[in-house]
Amino acid sequence: MVTVFGKGALTVSPRIGHIHITVDDLPWHFVDASGQTIILAGLTPGPHQALIELADPTHKVITSETIKFRVPDTEAVEQHNH
């Protein structure tokens, strides 16, 4: 078994990092080490943002970027098209 988190993971080669994801400046974030596409579900229509932080195994942030996006109001579009 390979250690993914903590100081022991600093000796793994190649190093395994992870990302922290914070949505809309919430006071908490979630961690993902899967390497898969990030999917955010259940967001209300309107503007949102996601802070993506690349972190080492001890959770030290290496780099980060904020992504801004808008979830369309599909109900309003469907009502308009009828």
PDB file of N, CA and C in Angstrom:
ATOM      1  N   MET A   1       0.850  -1.176   0.000  1.00  0.00           N
ATOM      2  CA  MET A   1       0.000   0.000   0.000  1.00  0.00           C
ATOM      3  C   MET A   1       0.899   1.244   0.000  1.00  0.00           C
ATOM      4  N   VAL A   2       0.576   2.230  -0.814  1.00  0.00           N
ATOM      5  CA  VAL A   2       1.339   3.466  -0.920  1.00  0.00           C
ATOM      6  C   VAL A   2       0.710   4.524  -0.029  1.00  0.00           C
ATOM      7  N   THR A   3       1.530   5.183   0.768  1.00  0.00           N
ATOM      8  CA  THR A   3       1.067   6.270   1.621  1.00  0.00           C
ATOM      9  C   THR A   3       0.793   7.499   0.753  1.00  0.00           C
ATOM     10  N   VAL A   4      -0.400   8.056   0.852  1.00  0.00           N
ATOM     11  CA  VAL A   4      -0.783   9.197   0.022  1.00  0.00           C
ATOM     12  C   VAL A   4      -0.741  10.505   0.806  1.00  0.00           C
ATOM     13  N   PHE A   5      -1.059  10.460   2.103  1.00  0.00           N
ATOM     14  CA  PHE A   5      -1.110  11.674   2.906  1.00  0.00           C
ATOM     15  C   PHE A   5      -0.122  11.595   4.058  1.00  0.00           C
ATOM     16  N   GLY A   6       0.288  12.740   4.564  1.00  0.00           N
ATOM     17  CA  GLY A   6       1.175  12.819   5.709  1.00  0.00           C
ATOM     18  C   GLY A   6       2.643  12.835   5.328  1.00  0.00           C
ATOM     19  N   LYS A   7       3.498  12.966   6.348  1.00  0.00           N
ATOM     20  CA  LYS A   7       4.936  13.071   6.107  1.00  0.00           C
ATOM     21  C   LYS A   7       5.503  11.832   5.423  1.00  0.00           C
ATOM     22  N   GLY A   8       4.964  10.655   5.714  1.00  0.00           N
ATOM     23  CA  GLY A   8       5.443   9.423   5.088  1.00  0.00           C
ATOM     24  C   GLY A   8       5.295   9.441   3.580  1.00  0.00           C
ATOM     25  N   ALA A   9       4.308  10.158   3.085  1.00  0.00           N
ATOM     26  CA  ALA A   9       4.078  10.234   1.640  1.00  0.00           C
ATOM     27  C   ALA A   9       5.127  11.076   0.933  1.00  0.00           C
ATOM     28  N   LEU A  10       5.893  11.866   1.691  1.00  0.00           N
ATOM     29  CA  LEU A  10       6.935  12.685   1.067  1.00  0.00           C
ATOM     30  C   LEU A  10       8.082  11.831   0.530  1.00  0.00           C
ATOM     31  N   THR A  11       8.180  10.585   0.983  1.00  0.00           N
ATOM     32  CA  THR A  11       9.252   9.703   0.521  1.00  0.00           C
ATOM     33  C   THR A  11       8.833   8.832  -0.655  1.00  0.00           C
ATOM     34  N   VAL A  12       7.573   8.863  -1.037  1.00  0.00           N
ATOM     35  CA  VAL A  12       7.072   8.072  -2.158  1.00  0.00           C
ATOM     36  C   VAL A  12       7.567   8.688  -3.458  1.00  0.00           C
ATOM     37  N   SER A  13       7.980   7.838  -4.378  1.00  0.00           N
ATOM     38  CA  SER A  13       8.424   8.334  -5.683  1.00  0.00           C
ATOM     39  C   SER A  13       7.699   7.564  -6.772  1.00  0.00           C
ATOM     40  N   PRO A  14       7.059   8.211  -7.735  1.00  0.00           N
ATOM     41  CA  PRO A  14       6.887   9.668  -7.795  1.00  0.00           C
ATOM     42  C   PRO A  14       5.914  10.130  -6.717  1.00  0.00           C
ATOM     43  N   ARG A  15       6.073  11.368  -6.322  1.00  0.00           N
ATOM     44  CA  ARG A  15       5.214  11.942  -5.278  1.00  0.00           C
ATOM     45  C   ARG A  15       3.767  11.959  -5.728  1.00  0.00           C
ATOM     46  N   ILE A  16       2.905  11.759  -4.769  1.00  0.00           N
ATOM     47  CA  ILE A  16       1.464  11.774  -5.048  1.00  0.00           C
ATOM     48  C   ILE A  16       0.871  12.986  -4.348  1.00  0.00           C
ATOM     49  N   GLY A  17       0.315  13.899  -5.107  1.00  0.00           N
ATOM     50  CA  GLY A  17      -0.335  15.066  -4.536  1.00  0.00           C
ATOM     51  C   GLY A  17      -1.839  14.898  -4.566  1.00  0.00           C
ATOM     52  N   HIS A  18      -2.515  15.956  -4.285  1.00  0.00           N
ATOM     53  CA  HIS A  18      -3.975  15.959  -4.319  1.00  0.00           C
ATOM     54  C   HIS A  18      -4.429  17.402  -4.484  1.00  0.00           C
ATOM     55  N   ILE A  19      -5.724  17.581  -4.629  1.00  0.00           N
ATOM     56  CA  ILE A  19      -6.265  18.930  -4.746  1.00  0.00           C
ATOM     57  C   ILE A  19      -7.279  19.183  -3.637  1.00  0.00           C
ATOM     58  N   HIS A  20      -7.348  20.448  -3.230  1.00  0.00           N
ATOM     59  CA  HIS A  20      -8.388  20.940  -2.328  1.00  0.00           C
ATOM     60  C   HIS A  20      -9.340  21.751  -3.199  1.00  0.00           C
ATOM     61  N   ILE A  21     -10.633  21.567  -3.009  1.00  0.00           N
ATOM     62  CA  ILE A  21     -11.632  22.284  -3.804  1.00  0.00           C
ATOM     63  C   ILE A  21     -12.571  23.014  -2.856  1.00  0.00           C
ATOM     64  N   THR A  22     -12.637  24.348  -3.004  1.00  0.00           N
ATOM     65  CA  THR A  22     -13.532  25.177  -2.199  1.00  0.00           C
ATOM     66  C   THR A  22     -14.504  25.859  -3.155  1.00  0.00           C
ATOM     67  N   VAL A  23     -15.788  25.666  -2.931  1.00  0.00           N
ATOM     68  CA  VAL A  23     -16.817  26.227  -3.807  1.00  0.00           C
ATOM     69  C   VAL A  23     -17.450  27.443  -3.137  1.00  0.00           C
ATOM     70  N   ASP A  24     -17.534  28.541  -3.885  1.00  0.00           N
ATOM     71  CA  ASP A  24     -18.244  29.758  -3.451  1.00  0.00           C
ATOM     72  C   ASP A  24     -17.794  30.273  -2.080  1.00  0.00           C
ATOM     73  N   ASP A  25     -16.510  30.236  -1.801  1.00  0.00           N
ATOM     74  CA  ASP A  25     -15.957  30.761  -0.537  1.00  0.00           C
ATOM     75  C   ASP A  25     -16.568  30.119   0.710  1.00  0.00           C
ATOM     76  N   LEU A  26     -17.043  28.888   0.594  1.00  0.00           N
ATOM     77  CA  LEU A  26     -17.575  28.198   1.768  1.00  0.00           C
ATOM     78  C   LEU A  26     -16.451  28.014   2.795  1.00  0.00           C
ATOM     79  N   PRO A  27     -16.782  27.858   4.076  1.00  0.00           N
ATOM     80  CA  PRO A  27     -15.744  27.737   5.106  1.00  0.00           C
ATOM     81  C   PRO A  27     -15.092  26.350   5.158  1.00  0.00           C
ATOM     82  N   TRP A  28     -15.433  25.458   4.236  1.00  0.00           N
ATOM     83  CA  TRP A  28     -14.857  24.113   4.194  1.00  0.00           C
ATOM     84  C   TRP A  28     -14.484  23.775   2.753  1.00  0.00           C
ATOM     85  N   HIS A  29     -13.656  22.770   2.585  1.00  0.00           N
ATOM     86  CA  HIS A  29     -13.295  22.307   1.252  1.00  0.00           C
ATOM     87  C   HIS A  29     -13.307  20.789   1.238  1.00  0.00           C
ATOM     88  N   PHE A  30     -13.275  20.210   0.043  1.00  0.00           N
ATOM     89  CA  PHE A  30     -13.115  18.769  -0.033  1.00  0.00           C
ATOM     90  C   PHE A  30     -11.811  18.461  -0.745  1.00  0.00           C
ATOM     91  N   VAL A  31     -11.311  17.258  -0.516  1.00  0.00           N
ATOM     92  CA  VAL A  31     -10.014  16.823  -1.026  1.00  0.00           C
ATOM     93  C   VAL A  31     -10.241  15.720  -2.039  1.00  0.00           C
ATOM     94  N   ASP A  32      -9.477  15.776  -3.136  1.00  0.00           N
ATOM     95  CA  ASP A  32      -9.575  14.734  -4.160  1.00  0.00           C
ATOM     96  C   ASP A  32      -8.172  14.311  -4.571  1.00  0.00           C
ATOM     97  N   ALA A  33      -7.923  13.016  -4.560  1.00  0.00           N
ATOM     98  CA  ALA A  33      -6.632  12.473  -4.987  1.00  0.00           C
ATOM     99  C   ALA A  33      -6.813  11.474  -6.117  1.00  0.00           C
ATOM    100  N   SER A  34      -7.996  11.475  -6.752  1.00  0.00           N
ATOM    101  CA  SER A  34      -8.299  10.468  -7.770  1.00  0.00           C
ATOM    102  C   SER A  34      -7.635  10.736  -9.118  1.00  0.00           C
ATOM    103  N   GLY A  35      -7.337  12.003  -9.412  1.00  0.00           N
ATOM    104  CA  GLY A  35      -6.799  12.326 -10.730  1.00  0.00           C
ATOM    105  C   GLY A  35      -7.866  12.368 -11.809  1.00  0.00           C
ATOM    106  N   GLN A  36      -9.115  12.232 -11.421  1.00  0.00           N
ATOM    107  CA  GLN A  36     -10.228  12.240 -12.369  1.00  0.00           C
ATOM    108  C   GLN A  36     -10.786  13.661 -12.525  1.00  0.00           C
ATOM    109  N   THR A  37     -11.653  13.837 -13.500  1.00  0.00           N
ATOM    110  CA  THR A  37     -12.310  15.110 -13.752  1.00  0.00           C
ATOM    111  C   THR A  37     -13.125  15.541 -12.528  1.00  0.00           C
ATOM    112  N   ILE A  38     -13.059  16.815 -12.199  1.00  0.00           N
ATOM    113  CA  ILE A  38     -13.841  17.360 -11.092  1.00  0.00           C
ATOM    114  C   ILE A  38     -15.266  17.616 -11.584  1.00  0.00           C
ATOM    115  N   ILE A  39     -16.236  17.089 -10.866  1.00  0.00           N
ATOM    116  CA  ILE A  39     -17.641  17.306 -11.208  1.00  0.00           C
ATOM    117  C   ILE A  39     -18.325  17.936  -9.998  1.00  0.00           C
ATOM    118  N   LEU A  40     -18.896  19.113 -10.203  1.00  0.00           N
ATOM    119  CA  LEU A  40     -19.648  19.797  -9.160  1.00  0.00           C
ATOM    120  C   LEU A  40     -21.120  19.696  -9.526  1.00  0.00           C
ATOM    121  N   ALA A  41     -21.919  19.100  -8.662  1.00  0.00           N
ATOM    122  CA  ALA A  41     -23.334  18.895  -8.945  1.00  0.00           C
ATOM    123  C   ALA A  41     -24.184  19.572  -7.878  1.00  0.00           C
ATOM    124  N   GLY A  42     -25.433  19.869  -8.233  1.00  0.00           N
ATOM    125  CA  GLY A  42     -26.383  20.404  -7.279  1.00  0.00           C
ATOM    126  C   GLY A  42     -26.261  21.893  -7.022  1.00  0.00           C
ATOM    127  N   LEU A  43     -25.529  22.599  -7.867  1.00  0.00           N
ATOM    128  CA  LEU A  43     -25.386  24.045  -7.688  1.00  0.00           C
ATOM    129  C   LEU A  43     -26.620  24.762  -8.229  1.00  0.00           C
ATOM    130  N   THR A  44     -27.015  25.822  -7.567  1.00  0.00           N
ATOM    131  CA  THR A  44     -28.167  26.594  -8.006  1.00  0.00           C
ATOM    132  C   THR A  44     -27.803  27.414  -9.249  1.00  0.00           C
ATOM    133  N   PRO A  45     -28.799  27.794 -10.045  1.00  0.00           N
ATOM    134  CA  PRO A  45     -28.504  28.652 -11.200  1.00  0.00           C
ATOM    135  C   PRO A  45     -27.865  29.965 -10.747  1.00  0.00           C
ATOM    136  N   GLY A  46     -26.950  30.464 -11.556  1.00  0.00           N
ATOM    137  CA  GLY A  46     -26.294  31.731 -11.247  1.00  0.00           C
ATOM    138  C   GLY A  46     -24.787  31.604 -11.222  1.00  0.00           C
ATOM    139  N   PRO A  47     -24.114  32.679 -10.808  1.00  0.00           N
ATOM    140  CA  PRO A  47     -22.650  32.673 -10.801  1.00  0.00           C
ATOM    141  C   PRO A  47     -22.086  31.878  -9.623  1.00  0.00           C
ATOM    142  N   HIS A  48     -20.974  31.227  -9.869  1.00  0.00           N
ATOM    143  CA  HIS A  48     -20.274  30.449  -8.845  1.00  0.00           C
ATOM    144  C   HIS A  48     -18.783  30.570  -9.096  1.00  0.00           C
ATOM    145  N   GLN A  49     -18.013  30.103  -8.111  1.00  0.00           N
ATOM    146  CA  GLN A  49     -16.576  30.008  -8.307  1.00  0.00           C
ATOM    147  C   GLN A  49     -16.060  28.800  -7.538  1.00  0.00           C
ATOM    148  N   ALA A  50     -14.957  28.251  -8.028  1.00  0.00           N
ATOM    149  CA  ALA A  50     -14.312  27.125  -7.364  1.00  0.00           C
ATOM    150  C   ALA A  50     -12.821  27.433  -7.248  1.00  0.00           C
ATOM    151  N   LEU A  51     -12.315  27.380  -6.037  1.00  0.00           N
ATOM    152  CA  LEU A  51     -10.889  27.536  -5.788  1.00  0.00           C
ATOM    153  C   LEU A  51     -10.279  26.144  -5.823  1.00  0.00           C
ATOM    154  N   ILE A  52      -9.349  25.911  -6.747  1.00  0.00           N
ATOM    155  CA  ILE A  52      -8.669  24.624  -6.885  1.00  0.00           C
ATOM    156  C   ILE A  52      -7.234  24.823  -6.406  1.00  0.00           C
ATOM    157  N   GLU A  53      -6.833  24.072  -5.387  1.00  0.00           N
ATOM    158  CA  GLU A  53      -5.491  24.184  -4.835  1.00  0.00           C
ATOM    159  C   GLU A  53      -4.763  22.851  -5.001  1.00  0.00           C
ATOM    160  N   LEU A  54      -3.586  22.877  -5.607  1.00  0.00           N
ATOM    161  CA  LEU A  54      -2.738  21.704  -5.702  1.00  0.00           C
ATOM    162  C   LEU A  54      -1.915  21.645  -4.421  1.00  0.00           C
ATOM    163  N   ALA A  55      -1.985  20.516  -3.716  1.00  0.00           N
ATOM    164  CA  ALA A  55      -1.317  20.400  -2.419  1.00  0.00           C
ATOM    165  C   ALA A  55      -0.407  19.176  -2.369  1.00  0.00           C
ATOM    166  N   ASP A  56       0.632  19.278  -1.546  1.00  0.00           N
ATOM    167  CA  ASP A  56       1.520  18.135  -1.364  1.00  0.00           C
ATOM    168  C   ASP A  56       0.894  17.189  -0.326  1.00  0.00           C
ATOM    169  N   PRO A  57       1.520  16.052  -0.032  1.00  0.00           N
ATOM    170  CA  PRO A  57       0.921  15.087   0.898  1.00  0.00           C
ATOM    171  C   PRO A  57       0.666  15.608   2.306  1.00  0.00           C
ATOM    172  N   THR A  58       1.361  16.686   2.700  1.00  0.00           N
ATOM    173  CA  THR A  58       1.129  17.265   4.029  1.00  0.00           C
ATOM    174  C   THR A  58       0.108  18.402   3.989  1.00  0.00           C
ATOM    175  N   HIS A  59      -0.559  18.549   2.870  1.00  0.00           N
ATOM    176  CA  HIS A  59      -1.608  19.553   2.624  1.00  0.00           C
ATOM    177  C   HIS A  59      -1.054  20.958   2.431  1.00  0.00           C
ATOM    178  N   LYS A  60       0.249  21.094   2.226  1.00  0.00           N
ATOM    179  CA  LYS A  60       0.828  22.400   1.916  1.00  0.00           C
ATOM    180  C   LYS A  60       0.455  22.746   0.475  1.00  0.00           C
ATOM    181  N   VAL A  61      -0.180  23.902   0.285  1.00  0.00           N
ATOM    182  CA  VAL A  61      -0.626  24.315  -1.048  1.00  0.00           C
ATOM    183  C   VAL A  61       0.579  24.738  -1.880  1.00  0.00           C
ATOM    184  N   ILE A  62       0.682  24.161  -3.076  1.00  0.00           N
ATOM    185  CA  ILE A  62       1.782  24.447  -3.995  1.00  0.00           C
ATOM    186  C   ILE A  62       1.403  25.578  -4.948  1.00  0.00           C
ATOM    187  N   THR A  63       0.198  25.487  -5.474  1.00  0.00           N
ATOM    188  CA  THR A  63      -0.322  26.523  -6.377  1.00  0.00           C
ATOM    189  C   THR A  63      -1.843  26.455  -6.350  1.00  0.00           C
ATOM    190  N   SER A  64      -2.489  27.516  -6.813  1.00  0.00           N
ATOM    191  CA  SER A  64      -3.953  27.534  -6.816  1.00  0.00           C
ATOM    192  C   SER A  64      -4.476  28.389  -7.960  1.00  0.00           C
ATOM    193  N   GLU A  65      -5.733  28.158  -8.283  1.00  0.00           N
ATOM    194  CA  GLU A  65      -6.416  28.969  -9.291  1.00  0.00           C
ATOM    195  C   GLU A  65      -7.903  28.977  -8.985  1.00  0.00           C
ATOM    196  N   THR A  66      -8.532  30.139  -9.180  1.00  0.00           N
ATOM    197  CA  THR A  66      -9.976  30.266  -9.005  1.00  0.00           C
ATOM    198  C   THR A  66     -10.644  30.249 -10.370  1.00  0.00           C
ATOM    199  N   ILE A  67     -11.634  29.380 -10.501  1.00  0.00           N
ATOM    200  CA  ILE A  67     -12.399  29.251 -11.743  1.00  0.00           C
ATOM    201  C   ILE A  67     -13.775  29.859 -11.495  1.00  0.00           C
ATOM    202  N   LYS A  68     -14.177  30.812 -12.344  1.00  0.00           N
ATOM    203  CA  LYS A  68     -15.509  31.417 -12.235  1.00  0.00           C
ATOM    204  C   LYS A  68     -16.372  30.881 -13.362  1.00  0.00           C
ATOM    205  N   PHE A  69     -17.620  30.563 -13.037  1.00  0.00           N
ATOM    206  CA  PHE A  69     -18.537  29.996 -14.027  1.00  0.00           C
ATOM    207  C   PHE A  69     -19.978  30.316 -13.642  1.00  0.00           C
ATOM    208  N   ARG A  70     -20.870  30.118 -14.569  1.00  0.00           N
ATOM    209  CA  ARG A  70     -22.295  30.375 -14.354  1.00  0.00           C
ATOM    210  C   ARG A  70     -23.082  29.108 -14.683  1.00  0.00           C
ATOM    211  N   VAL A  71     -23.955  28.714 -13.762  1.00  0.00           N
ATOM    212  CA  VAL A  71     -24.866  27.597 -13.997  1.00  0.00           C
ATOM    213  C   VAL A  71     -26.126  28.175 -14.623  1.00  0.00           C
ATOM    214  N   PRO A  72     -26.502  27.696 -15.820  1.00  0.00           N
ATOM    215  CA  PRO A  72     -27.686  28.260 -16.475  1.00  0.00           C
ATOM    216  C   PRO A  72     -28.973  27.862 -15.752  1.00  0.00           C
ATOM    217  N   ASP A  73     -29.961  28.714 -15.871  1.00  0.00           N
ATOM    218  CA  ASP A  73     -31.282  28.429 -15.313  1.00  0.00           C
ATOM    219  C   ASP A  73     -32.062  27.663 -16.374  1.00  0.00           C
ATOM    220  N   THR A  74     -31.958  26.345 -16.352  1.00  0.00           N
ATOM    221  CA  THR A  74     -32.592  25.518 -17.395  1.00  0.00           C
ATOM    222  C   THR A  74     -34.109  25.565 -17.330  1.00  0.00           C
ATOM    223  N   GLU A  75     -34.686  25.777 -16.137  1.00  0.00           N
ATOM    224  CA  GLU A  75     -36.141  25.878 -16.026  1.00  0.00           C
ATOM    225  C   GLU A  75     -36.647  27.107 -16.760  1.00  0.00           C
ATOM    226  N   ALA A  76     -35.979  28.233 -16.617  1.00  0.00           N
ATOM    227  CA  ALA A  76     -36.393  29.456 -17.306  1.00  0.00           C
ATOM    228  C   ALA A  76     -36.271  29.288 -18.812  1.00  0.00           C
ATOM    229  N   VAL A  77     -35.232  28.613 -19.281  1.00  0.00           N
ATOM    230  CA  VAL A  77     -35.051  28.378 -20.712  1.00  0.00           C
ATOM    231  C   VAL A  77     -36.147  27.470 -21.231  1.00  0.00           C
ATOM    232  N   GLU A  78     -36.479  26.404 -20.485  1.00  0.00           N
ATOM    233  CA  GLU A  78     -37.544  25.478 -20.923  1.00  0.00           C
ATOM    234  C   GLU A  78     -38.895  26.188 -20.963  1.00  0.00           C
ATOM    235  N   GLN A  79     -39.206  27.033 -19.980  1.00  0.00           N
ATOM    236  CA  GLN A  79     -40.473  27.754 -19.962  1.00  0.00           C
ATOM    237  C   GLN A  79     -40.537  28.748 -21.119  1.00  0.00           C
ATOM    238  N   HIS A  80     -39.422  29.372 -21.458  1.00  0.00           N
ATOM    239  CA  HIS A  80     -39.364  30.322 -22.555  1.00  0.00           C
ATOM    240  C   HIS A  80     -39.592  29.641 -23.908  1.00  0.00           C
ATOM    241  N   ASN A  81     -39.153  28.399 -24.029  1.00  0.00           N
ATOM    242  CA  ASN A  81     -39.255  27.679 -25.304  1.00  0.00           C
ATOM    243  C   ASN A  81     -40.621  27.038 -25.521  1.00  0.00           C
ATOM    244  N   HIS A  82     -41.509  27.076 -24.539  1.00  0.00           N
ATOM    245  CA  HIS A  82     -42.829  26.461 -24.718  1.00  0.00           C
ATOM    246  C   HIS A  82     -43.848  27.460 -25.135  1.00  0.00           C
TER     247      HIS A  82
END
